[in-house]
């Protein structure tokens, strides 16, 4: 049952990618292969490496199905699955850099990834440069050196949601013979077309929207050509692999990704628009709002927004009042992740070294799949508690 997956709409791809029931006795879903050892028919086959699979860590029909599906979703050559979003960041960076190389990273980078580039990359002999995510291409050009080999983007930025000028920065990097990597967990393949923007390496935390149910830790690194070969070899040589049950859950979650993402977007926009009207909120951090300074970049480069956004509470509101608001919420759990079925709220830190940051308390909301009215009523009651505690 041949399917033209490559040219299909992403919402169709997430349903049909890596589905080959007639190749597996008519079963709709790929079986879960639990194995380390792969048997060969004879010693000659073993000696000459014949057969599709050699060892469970290197690949099974289950892992290949997941990686192929994600690569198809992005219309790119290869995808390597990793045990977490952070490990995908580490692989996407380490797989293409060597001692003596210089790489540039935005000041808004995801905190755990930031620790990796601050603490581990220098030990590998890589020179790290940090740049303001809002720099223009002309401004960023001044930070390039003869040995700059990677420009890392994260748009929107983690916690503070700055939007980068992706086309201009990508063009600049390629003029300097430099690869471009992007953390695309927020946009996903459904809302940001990486190949159309000439991205070389896509990093996505499969923990979030692909898996979608808050029960999987997984990451993906997607790339093309020689870059894909380098990343695949690095993963192979360092033993990076993912358990088969995680692959199965990621594939299962992917099938409903399009409708979950759409519901999360709708709920997130409704909550953000309500919050923007509250006097205690001094700044909204949602790129799809016209008030966001990077809204024009989002409007040009993205086809949608996910349910994750931030906002800043007036610094005059005491933390006890903010706690009264958040701790009493019925439908928002307090947690750091996102992309699952349940809504979340957490407090963030402005983890920056060079970028100006707003004053106040930074809160982050993930809008899940609950009824929109219930979520809005919950926030209204929370703000009423905050006002009562602050009076």
Protein backbone atom coordinates (compact mmCIF):
# COMPACT_ATOMS: atom_id res chain seq x y z
CA UNK A 1 0.00 0.00 0.00
CA UNK A 2 2.25 2.76 -1.34
CA UNK A 3 1.67 6.24 0.04
CA UNK A 4 3.11 9.50 -1.29
CA UNK A 5 4.27 10.57 2.14
CA UNK A 6 6.96 12.98 0.96
CA UNK A 7 4.50 15.39 -0.70
CA UNK A 8 1.63 15.01 1.76
CA UNK A 9 0.48 17.72 4.19
CA UNK A 10 2.17 17.40 7.61
CA UNK A 11 -1.18 16.63 9.25
CA UNK A 12 -1.50 13.64 6.91
CA UNK A 13 2.10 12.61 7.42
CA UNK A 14 1.76 12.26 11.18
CA UNK A 15 -1.07 9.78 10.61
CA UNK A 16 0.51 7.67 7.87
CA UNK A 17 4.30 7.98 8.19
CA UNK A 18 5.99 4.57 8.62
CA UNK A 19 2.68 2.73 8.37
CA UNK A 20 3.18 -0.44 6.30
CA UNK A 21 0.62 -2.98 7.57
CA UNK A 22 1.04 -5.43 4.68
CA UNK A 23 4.74 -5.73 5.54
CA UNK A 24 3.85 -6.89 9.06
CA UNK A 25 1.06 -9.39 8.66
CA UNK A 26 -1.60 -6.67 8.34
CA UNK A 27 -0.94 -5.11 11.74
CA UNK A 28 -1.75 -1.39 11.73
CA UNK A 29 1.06 -0.38 14.10
CA UNK A 30 4.71 -1.33 14.02
CA UNK A 31 5.48 -4.11 16.55
CA UNK A 32 7.74 -3.38 19.49
CA UNK A 33 11.02 -5.23 19.09
CA UNK A 34 12.72 -5.83 22.45
CA UNK A 35 16.17 -7.06 21.58
CA UNK A 36 19.86 -6.59 22.02
CA UNK A 37 21.07 -9.60 20.03
CA UNK A 38 20.31 -10.00 16.32
CA UNK A 39 20.89 -13.52 15.00
CA UNK A 40 22.49 -14.34 11.65
CA UNK A 41 21.82 -17.42 9.57
CA UNK A 42 25.49 -18.43 9.47
CA UNK A 43 28.99 -17.26 10.36
CA UNK A 44 29.65 -16.00 6.85
CA UNK A 45 26.66 -13.63 7.09
CA UNK A 46 27.87 -12.50 10.49
CA UNK A 47 31.43 -11.99 9.25
CA UNK A 48 30.31 -9.93 6.25
CA UNK A 49 27.60 -7.96 8.05
CA UNK A 50 24.75 -9.24 5.91
CA UNK A 51 21.21 -8.42 6.92
CA UNK A 52 19.28 -5.26 7.68
CA UNK A 53 20.03 -5.22 11.41
CA UNK A 54 23.17 -6.04 13.39
CA UNK A 55 22.49 -5.13 17.02
CA UNK A 56 19.55 -3.78 18.98
CA UNK A 57 21.34 -0.61 20.07
CA UNK A 58 22.09 0.30 16.45
CA UNK A 59 18.57 -0.22 15.12
CA UNK A 60 15.44 -2.36 14.99
CA UNK A 61 12.28 -2.17 12.88
CA UNK A 62 10.71 -0.20 15.74
CA UNK A 63 13.43 2.45 15.96
CA UNK A 64 13.78 2.73 12.19
CA UNK A 65 10.03 3.30 11.86
CA UNK A 66 10.10 6.19 14.33
CA UNK A 67 13.19 7.84 12.87
CA UNK A 68 11.92 7.44 9.30
CA UNK A 69 8.56 8.94 10.25
CA UNK A 70 10.15 12.04 11.78
CA UNK A 71 12.55 12.44 8.84
CA UNK A 72 9.58 12.18 6.46
CA UNK A 73 7.68 14.73 8.51
CA UNK A 74 10.51 17.21 8.01
CA UNK A 75 11.30 16.17 4.39
CA UNK A 76 14.91 15.60 5.38
CA UNK A 77 17.30 12.71 4.81
CA UNK A 78 17.81 11.24 8.26
CA UNK A 79 16.65 11.41 11.86
CA UNK A 80 18.45 10.10 14.94
CA UNK A 81 16.38 9.46 18.06
CA UNK A 82 17.98 10.24 21.41
CA UNK A 83 16.94 9.58 25.05
CA UNK A 84 15.88 13.20 25.75
CA UNK A 85 15.52 16.64 24.25
CA UNK A 86 18.75 17.68 25.95
CA UNK A 87 20.64 14.73 24.48
CA UNK A 88 19.34 15.76 21.05
CA UNK A 89 20.78 19.24 21.60
CA UNK A 90 24.12 17.73 22.63
CA UNK A 91 24.19 15.37 19.65
CA UNK A 92 23.18 18.02 17.13
CA UNK A 93 26.03 20.23 18.32
CA UNK A 94 28.75 17.68 19.07
CA UNK A 95 28.09 15.69 15.93
CA UNK A 96 29.33 18.50 13.68
CA UNK A 97 31.96 20.31 15.76
CA UNK A 98 35.59 19.53 16.56
CA UNK A 99 38.35 21.06 18.66
CA UNK A 100 39.27 24.51 17.41
CA UNK A 101 35.84 25.26 15.93
CA UNK A 102 33.83 28.31 16.95
CA UNK A 103 30.04 28.19 17.42
CA UNK A 104 27.48 30.89 18.17
CA UNK A 105 24.51 30.40 20.51
CA UNK A 106 21.65 32.74 21.48
CA UNK A 107 21.53 34.14 25.00
CA UNK A 108 17.93 32.87 25.19
CA UNK A 109 18.94 29.22 24.74
CA UNK A 110 17.17 26.49 26.74
CA UNK A 111 18.79 26.39 30.18
CA UNK A 112 19.99 22.78 30.15
CA UNK A 113 21.46 23.24 26.68
CA UNK A 114 23.13 26.40 27.93
CA UNK A 115 24.87 24.43 30.67
CA UNK A 116 26.18 22.03 28.03
CA UNK A 117 27.72 24.78 25.90
CA UNK A 118 29.08 26.59 28.97
CA UNK A 119 30.56 23.60 30.79
CA UNK A 120 31.17 20.78 28.29
CA UNK A 121 31.94 22.31 24.89
CA UNK A 122 34.99 24.25 26.12
CA UNK A 123 36.42 20.96 27.47
CA UNK A 124 36.09 19.61 23.92
CA UNK A 125 38.17 22.50 22.61
CA UNK A 126 35.20 24.30 21.00
CA UNK A 127 35.10 28.09 21.27
CA UNK A 128 31.65 29.30 22.35
CA UNK A 129 30.18 32.68 21.48
CA UNK A 130 26.95 34.00 23.01
CA UNK A 131 24.84 36.52 21.10
CA UNK A 132 21.72 38.58 21.76
CA UNK A 133 18.89 36.66 20.03
CA UNK A 134 17.45 39.92 18.72
CA UNK A 135 20.56 40.87 16.75
CA UNK A 136 20.15 41.64 13.08
CA UNK A 137 22.24 39.79 10.54
CA UNK A 138 24.42 42.86 10.15
CA UNK A 139 25.08 42.97 13.88
CA UNK A 140 25.65 39.23 14.22
CA UNK A 141 28.10 39.29 11.30
CA UNK A 142 30.63 41.02 13.55
CA UNK A 143 30.77 37.93 15.80
CA UNK A 144 31.73 35.49 13.05
CA UNK A 145 35.34 34.33 12.89
CA UNK A 146 37.33 32.31 10.37
CA UNK A 147 36.56 29.12 12.27
CA UNK A 148 32.85 29.67 12.98
CA UNK A 149 31.25 26.38 11.99
CA UNK A 150 27.81 26.46 13.63
CA UNK A 151 25.12 29.05 14.18
CA UNK A 152 22.51 27.84 16.66
CA UNK A 153 19.00 29.29 16.63
CA UNK A 154 16.11 28.94 19.05
CA UNK A 155 13.07 30.83 17.88
CA UNK A 156 11.13 31.59 19.95
CA UNK A 157 13.66 31.60 22.77
CA UNK A 158 13.27 29.46 25.83
CA UNK A 159 11.30 31.20 28.60
CA UNK A 160 11.46 34.71 27.13
CA UNK A 161 10.22 33.88 23.60
CA UNK A 162 12.32 36.21 21.47
CA UNK A 163 11.74 35.69 17.74
CA UNK A 164 14.84 35.58 15.56
CA UNK A 165 15.12 36.72 11.94
CA UNK A 166 15.65 33.17 10.72
CA UNK A 167 15.99 33.79 6.94
CA UNK A 168 18.51 36.62 7.36
CA UNK A 169 20.59 34.81 9.98
CA UNK A 170 20.58 31.57 7.99
CA UNK A 171 21.71 33.37 4.85
CA UNK A 172 24.50 35.05 6.81
CA UNK A 173 25.71 31.74 8.21
CA UNK A 174 25.76 30.03 4.83
CA UNK A 175 27.74 32.92 3.37
CA UNK A 176 30.37 32.05 5.98
CA UNK A 177 30.25 28.33 5.11
CA UNK A 178 28.62 27.72 8.49
CA UNK A 179 25.94 25.18 9.40
CA UNK A 180 22.66 26.33 10.95
CA UNK A 181 20.95 24.33 13.69
CA UNK A 182 17.59 25.20 15.21
CA UNK A 183 15.72 23.98 18.26
CA UNK A 184 12.30 23.62 16.70
CA UNK A 185 10.42 22.07 19.63
CA UNK A 186 8.03 25.03 19.87
CA UNK A 187 7.22 25.22 16.16
CA UNK A 188 7.38 21.51 15.32
CA UNK A 189 7.39 20.34 11.71
CA UNK A 190 3.71 21.26 11.50
CA UNK A 191 4.17 24.98 12.11
CA UNK A 192 7.73 25.66 10.94
CA UNK A 193 9.08 24.40 7.61
CA UNK A 194 12.80 23.89 8.27
CA UNK A 195 13.86 22.84 4.75
CA UNK A 196 12.12 25.88 3.24
CA UNK A 197 14.22 28.03 5.55
CA UNK A 198 17.47 26.25 4.58
CA UNK A 199 18.04 24.85 8.06
CA UNK A 200 20.81 22.23 8.17
CA UNK A 201 20.09 20.60 11.54
CA UNK A 202 16.73 20.43 13.30
CA UNK A 203 16.54 19.54 16.97
CA UNK A 204 13.20 18.65 18.53
CA UNK A 205 12.33 17.33 21.96
CA UNK A 206 10.06 14.39 21.20
CA UNK A 207 9.15 14.51 24.88
CA UNK A 208 6.83 17.39 24.00
CA UNK A 209 4.34 17.42 21.12
CA UNK A 210 5.42 14.30 19.22
CA UNK A 211 4.92 12.00 22.21
CA UNK A 212 2.26 14.26 23.64
CA UNK A 213 1.27 12.49 26.86
CA UNK A 214 3.90 13.44 29.46
CA UNK A 215 5.20 9.88 29.71
CA UNK A 216 8.16 9.77 27.31
CA UNK A 217 11.66 11.26 27.39
CA UNK A 218 12.97 11.51 23.85
CA UNK A 219 14.72 13.78 21.36
CA UNK A 220 15.31 13.90 17.61
CA UNK A 221 18.08 15.30 15.43
CA UNK A 222 17.10 15.67 11.78
CA UNK A 223 19.53 16.60 8.99
CA UNK A 224 20.64 16.06 5.39
CA UNK A 225 23.55 14.69 3.40
CA UNK A 226 27.06 14.65 4.84
CA UNK A 227 25.81 16.42 7.98
CA UNK A 228 23.36 13.59 8.58
CA UNK A 229 26.15 11.05 8.11
CA UNK A 230 28.35 12.83 10.67
CA UNK A 231 25.55 12.98 13.23
CA UNK A 232 24.52 9.36 12.67
CA UNK A 233 28.15 8.22 13.06
CA UNK A 234 28.60 10.26 16.24
CA UNK A 235 25.46 8.72 17.73
CA UNK A 236 26.60 5.23 16.75
CA UNK A 237 30.08 5.71 18.15
CA UNK A 238 28.84 7.11 21.47
CA UNK A 239 26.12 4.51 22.04
CA UNK A 240 23.16 6.87 21.82
CA UNK A 241 19.94 4.88 21.55
CA UNK A 242 16.34 4.81 22.78
CA UNK A 243 14.39 1.93 24.32
CA UNK A 244 11.78 0.31 22.05
CA UNK A 245 8.81 1.15 24.26
CA UNK A 246 9.69 4.84 24.01
CA UNK A 247 9.74 4.56 20.23
CA UNK A 248 6.34 2.91 20.28
CA UNK A 249 4.84 5.59 22.52
CA UNK A 250 6.31 8.37 20.40
CA UNK A 251 4.83 6.85 17.25
CA UNK A 252 1.48 6.41 18.97
CA UNK A 253 1.49 10.02 20.11
CA UNK A 254 2.49 11.30 16.68
CA UNK A 255 -0.75 10.05 15.13
CA UNK A 256 -2.83 12.66 17.01
CA UNK A 257 -0.19 15.38 16.99
CA UNK A 258 -1.93 17.67 14.50
CA UNK A 259 -5.23 17.86 16.35
CA UNK A 260 -3.55 18.15 19.76
CA UNK A 261 -1.34 20.96 18.54
CA UNK A 262 -4.31 22.80 17.07
CA UNK A 263 -6.28 22.55 20.33
CA UNK A 264 -3.29 23.62 22.38
CA UNK A 265 -2.75 26.62 20.10
CA UNK A 266 -6.39 27.69 20.38
CA UNK A 267 -6.37 27.42 24.16
CA UNK A 268 -3.01 29.17 24.44
CA UNK A 269 -4.12 32.15 22.38
CA UNK A 270 -7.33 32.51 24.40
CA UNK A 271 -5.40 32.49 27.69
CA UNK A 272 -2.73 34.88 26.39
CA UNK A 273 -5.33 37.35 25.11
CA UNK A 274 -7.09 37.29 28.48
CA UNK A 275 -3.86 37.72 30.42
CA UNK A 276 -2.83 40.65 28.25
CA UNK A 277 -5.84 42.58 29.59
CA UNK A 278 -4.97 42.08 33.25
CA UNK A 279 -3.36 45.11 34.95
CA UNK A 280 -0.92 42.96 36.93
CA UNK A 281 0.60 41.62 33.69
CA UNK A 282 3.21 44.08 32.49
CA UNK A 283 4.51 42.07 29.55
CA UNK A 284 3.19 39.20 27.41
CA UNK A 285 5.64 36.78 25.83
CA UNK A 286 3.61 35.15 23.06
CA UNK A 287 4.87 35.59 19.48
CA UNK A 288 1.40 35.19 17.95
CA UNK A 289 0.13 38.29 19.75
CA UNK A 290 0.40 41.48 17.63
CA UNK A 291 1.92 43.24 20.66
CA UNK A 292 4.96 40.93 20.63
CA UNK A 293 8.04 42.73 19.22
CA UNK A 294 8.86 39.71 17.06
CA UNK A 295 5.31 39.13 15.85
CA UNK A 296 6.21 40.03 12.25
CA UNK A 297 8.90 37.33 12.21
CA UNK A 298 6.44 34.76 13.57
CA UNK A 299 3.80 35.81 11.04
CA UNK A 300 6.27 35.49 8.15
CA UNK A 301 8.02 32.25 9.13
CA UNK A 302 5.45 30.16 11.06
CA UNK A 303 2.04 28.80 10.16
CA UNK A 304 0.83 28.47 13.75
CA UNK A 305 1.77 28.74 17.39
CA UNK A 306 1.92 26.14 20.12
CA UNK A 307 0.34 26.43 23.57
CA UNK A 308 3.52 27.51 25.38
CA UNK A 309 4.04 31.17 26.29
CA UNK A 310 5.17 33.42 29.11
CA UNK A 311 4.12 36.58 30.89
CA UNK A 312 5.63 38.94 33.45
CA UNK A 313 3.83 39.97 36.65
CA UNK A 314 4.33 43.46 38.06
CA UNK A 315 7.34 43.44 40.44
CA UNK A 316 5.20 45.16 43.05
CA UNK A 317 3.07 42.01 43.41
CA UNK A 318 4.58 39.97 46.28
CA UNK A 319 5.53 36.35 45.71
CA UNK A 320 3.01 35.23 48.35
CA UNK A 321 0.18 36.68 46.26
CA UNK A 322 1.51 35.02 43.11
CA UNK A 323 1.74 31.73 44.98
CA UNK A 324 -1.89 32.12 46.08
CA UNK A 325 -2.87 32.48 42.44
CA UNK A 326 -0.88 29.50 41.12
CA UNK A 327 -1.16 27.05 44.01
CA UNK A 328 -4.95 27.11 44.02
CA UNK A 329 -5.46 26.45 40.31
CA UNK A 330 -7.65 23.44 39.54
CA UNK A 331 -6.66 22.66 35.95
CA UNK A 332 -3.02 23.80 35.80
CA UNK A 333 -0.39 21.52 37.25
CA UNK A 334 2.85 23.05 38.48
CA UNK A 335 5.59 21.52 36.37
CA UNK A 336 8.46 22.29 34.04
CA UNK A 337 7.65 20.32 30.90
CA UNK A 338 4.99 20.88 28.24
CA UNK A 339 3.44 19.40 25.12
CA UNK A 340 1.27 16.88 26.99
CA UNK A 341 -2.50 16.75 27.40
CA UNK A 342 -2.62 18.68 30.70
CA UNK A 343 -2.11 22.41 31.26
CA UNK A 344 0.84 23.59 33.34
CA UNK A 345 2.16 26.71 35.03
CA UNK A 346 5.68 27.34 36.30
CA UNK A 347 7.96 30.15 37.32
CA UNK A 348 10.99 30.87 35.16
CA UNK A 349 14.31 32.57 35.64
CA UNK A 350 15.72 35.08 33.18
CA UNK A 351 18.85 33.02 32.53
CA UNK A 352 20.71 35.60 30.50
CA UNK A 353 24.24 36.96 30.50
CA UNK A 354 24.17 39.76 27.92
CA UNK A 355 20.51 40.45 27.08
CA UNK A 356 18.41 43.10 28.78
CA UNK A 357 15.57 41.48 30.70
CA UNK A 358 12.30 42.86 32.05
CA UNK A 359 11.74 43.32 35.75
CA UNK A 360 9.04 41.33 37.49
CA UNK A 361 8.07 37.70 38.05
CA UNK A 362 8.26 35.53 34.94
CA UNK A 363 5.57 32.86 34.71
CA UNK A 364 5.19 30.32 31.94
CA UNK A 365 1.95 28.64 30.92
CA UNK A 366 1.43 25.59 28.80
CA UNK A 367 -2.15 25.34 27.54
CA UNK A 368 -3.21 21.72 27.29
CA UNK A 369 -6.32 20.11 25.86
CA UNK A 370 -8.91 21.00 28.50
CA UNK A 371 -12.03 23.00 27.78
CA UNK A 372 -11.06 26.60 27.07
CA UNK A 373 -13.76 28.09 29.31
CA UNK A 374 -12.68 25.96 32.26
CA UNK A 375 -9.09 27.17 31.85
CA UNK A 376 -10.13 30.82 31.60
CA UNK A 377 -12.38 30.54 34.65
CA UNK A 378 -9.56 28.89 36.56
CA UNK A 379 -7.17 31.74 35.75
CA UNK A 380 -9.82 34.33 36.64
CA UNK A 381 -10.28 32.71 40.04
CA UNK A 382 -6.51 32.60 40.46
CA UNK A 383 -6.10 36.29 39.74
CA UNK A 384 -8.93 37.05 42.16
CA UNK A 385 -6.95 35.16 44.84
CA UNK A 386 -3.82 37.07 43.94
CA UNK A 387 -5.62 40.39 44.25
CA UNK A 388 -7.13 39.36 47.56
CA UNK A 389 -3.74 38.33 48.93
CA UNK A 390 -2.23 41.60 47.74
CA UNK A 391 -4.90 43.86 49.20
